[in-house]
Amino acid sequence: MFRVFVGFLMLALASSIASAQNGPITVYTAKKIITMDPDNPVATAVAVRGRRIVSVGSLASLKPWLDAHPHKIDDRFKSKVLMPGLIDPHMHPLLGALQFGMTWITPESWSVLGTEIPAVTTTDRISPATERCD
């Protein structure tokens, strides 16, 4: 029974990967795309298949590749600047738990777990903030 389950799982995974590799391509155009690639720091088009970026450049530089693959062009970002987002998928629960029990002295106002933490931007605000530490 276990072998049948593993076989089915492998077949489903292979099918999913194949469909993602052969799925539709969407090309997003933008005023400017910051790539963080020193060899190609700025682009105006990014081609995406599924959840993967498959090519970055301009519509002209992507044309030979796009001519060989079905695609659609999405201009929703044509007047925007796109840049990479960083997603940090981990956390340190103990560190976070310890910090929520402490007084925070921050340069910007924060709302943490329903508590408003005022910004401390001048030296006269430091003493009241440290008094809350007691």
Protein backbone atom coordinates (compact mmCIF):
# COMPACT_ATOMS: atom_id res chain seq x y z
CA MET A 1 0.00 0.00 0.00
CA PHE A 2 2.84 2.37 0.89
CA ARG A 3 4.54 1.72 -2.48
CA VAL A 4 1.31 2.52 -4.30
CA PHE A 5 0.98 5.78 -2.36
CA VAL A 6 4.61 6.78 -3.05
CA GLY A 7 4.20 5.88 -6.74
CA PHE A 8 1.04 7.96 -6.99
CA LEU A 9 2.75 10.86 -5.21
CA MET A 10 5.73 10.71 -7.60
CA LEU A 11 3.41 10.62 -10.62
CA ALA A 12 1.44 13.62 -9.35
CA LEU A 13 4.64 15.55 -8.65
CA ALA A 14 6.09 14.77 -12.09
CA SER A 15 2.82 15.83 -13.73
CA SER A 16 2.78 19.07 -11.75
CA ILE A 17 6.37 19.90 -12.67
CA ALA A 18 5.76 19.12 -16.35
CA SER A 19 2.67 21.31 -16.51
CA ALA A 20 4.49 24.17 -14.77
CA GLN A 21 7.37 23.89 -17.28
CA ASN A 22 4.96 23.86 -20.21
CA GLY A 23 2.33 26.20 -18.77
CA PRO A 24 1.40 29.63 -20.04
CA ILE A 25 3.93 32.44 -19.93
CA THR A 26 2.99 35.92 -18.81
CA VAL A 27 5.29 38.82 -19.68
CA TYR A 28 4.95 41.76 -17.31
CA THR A 29 6.16 45.09 -18.64
CA ALA A 30 7.21 47.98 -16.41
CA LYS A 31 8.73 51.42 -16.61
CA LYS A 32 11.77 49.94 -14.86
CA ILE A 33 12.59 46.56 -13.34
CA ILE A 34 15.48 46.49 -10.88
CA THR A 35 17.00 43.03 -11.25
CA MET A 36 19.90 43.10 -8.71
CA ASP A 37 21.97 41.36 -11.40
CA PRO A 38 25.22 43.29 -11.99
CA ASP A 39 25.34 42.11 -15.62
CA ASN A 40 21.75 43.22 -16.31
CA PRO A 41 20.79 45.71 -13.55
CA VAL A 42 17.71 47.19 -15.23
CA ALA A 43 15.02 45.69 -17.46
CA THR A 44 11.56 46.59 -18.76
CA ALA A 45 10.03 43.12 -19.14
CA VAL A 46 9.96 39.95 -17.07
CA ALA A 47 8.59 36.61 -18.32
CA VAL A 48 6.95 34.37 -15.72
CA ARG A 49 5.75 30.77 -16.05
CA GLY A 50 3.85 29.47 -13.05
CA ARG A 51 5.76 30.75 -10.01
CA ARG A 52 9.13 31.07 -11.75
CA ILE A 53 10.82 33.92 -13.58
CA VAL A 54 12.03 32.45 -16.87
CA SER A 55 13.56 35.52 -18.53
CA VAL A 56 14.25 39.20 -17.91
CA GLY A 57 15.10 41.95 -20.38
CA SER A 58 13.10 44.10 -22.78
CA LEU A 59 10.28 43.04 -25.08
CA ALA A 60 12.76 43.35 -27.95
CA SER A 61 15.39 41.15 -26.27
CA LEU A 62 12.74 38.57 -25.28
CA LYS A 63 11.12 38.53 -28.76
CA PRO A 64 13.04 35.56 -30.26
CA TRP A 65 12.31 33.46 -27.19
CA LEU A 66 8.67 34.56 -26.99
CA ASP A 67 8.12 33.86 -30.69
CA ALA A 68 8.77 30.19 -29.88
CA HIS A 69 6.41 30.02 -26.87
CA PRO A 70 2.75 30.93 -26.34
CA HIS A 71 2.50 33.93 -24.04
CA LYS A 72 0.45 36.95 -23.05
CA ILE A 73 1.67 40.43 -22.21
CA ASP A 74 0.37 42.07 -19.04
CA ASP A 75 0.87 45.86 -18.93
CA ARG A 76 -0.55 46.45 -15.45
CA PHE A 77 2.87 47.68 -14.21
CA LYS A 78 3.76 49.72 -17.31
CA SER A 79 4.12 52.97 -15.34
CA LYS A 80 5.62 51.35 -12.22
CA VAL A 81 9.08 50.39 -10.97
CA LEU A 82 9.40 46.73 -9.96
CA MET A 83 12.03 45.46 -7.59
CA PRO A 84 12.71 42.14 -5.88
CA GLY A 85 11.02 41.40 -2.60
CA LEU A 86 12.76 39.47 0.12
CA ILE A 87 10.80 36.79 1.91
CA ASP A 88 12.36 35.48 5.09
CA PRO A 89 10.49 32.22 5.76
CA HIS A 90 11.92 31.55 9.19
CA MET A 91 11.58 33.03 12.63
CA HIS A 92 13.09 32.61 16.03
CA PRO A 93 10.07 32.06 18.30
CA LEU A 94 12.00 32.30 21.57
CA LEU A 95 13.68 35.55 20.54
CA GLY A 96 10.34 36.99 19.43
CA ALA A 97 8.64 35.93 22.67
CA LEU A 98 11.37 37.55 24.72
CA GLN A 99 11.21 40.80 22.75
CA PHE A 100 7.45 41.20 23.15
CA GLY A 101 7.94 41.33 26.92
CA MET A 102 10.50 44.13 26.67
CA THR A 103 10.33 47.87 26.26
CA TRP A 104 11.10 48.91 22.71
CA ILE A 105 12.89 52.14 21.93
CA THR A 106 12.45 52.70 18.22
CA PRO A 107 12.91 55.62 15.81
CA GLU A 108 9.39 55.06 14.41
CA SER A 109 6.03 54.53 16.07
CA TRP A 110 4.94 50.90 16.04
CA SER A 111 1.77 49.05 16.80
CA VAL A 112 2.75 45.64 18.23
CA LEU A 113 0.11 43.20 19.43
CA GLY A 114 -2.35 46.03 20.00
CA THR A 115 0.13 48.18 21.95
CA GLU A 116 1.19 51.51 20.53
CA ILE A 117 4.91 52.08 20.91
CA PRO A 118 5.82 55.77 20.48
CA ALA A 119 8.80 56.85 18.41
CA VAL A 120 11.88 57.96 20.29
CA THR A 121 13.45 60.53 17.99
CA THR A 122 15.00 62.99 20.40
CA THR A 123 17.10 62.66 23.53
CA ASP A 124 14.33 64.10 25.73
CA ARG A 125 12.18 61.07 24.79
CA ILE A 126 14.85 58.54 25.86
CA SER A 127 14.42 58.97 29.63
CA PRO A 128 10.64 58.35 29.64
CA ALA A 129 11.19 55.30 27.43
CA THR A 130 13.81 53.85 29.76
CA GLU A 131 11.57 54.48 32.78
CA ARG A 132 9.06 52.09 31.23
CA CYS A 133 11.76 49.38 31.52
CA ASP A 134 11.24 49.03 35.28
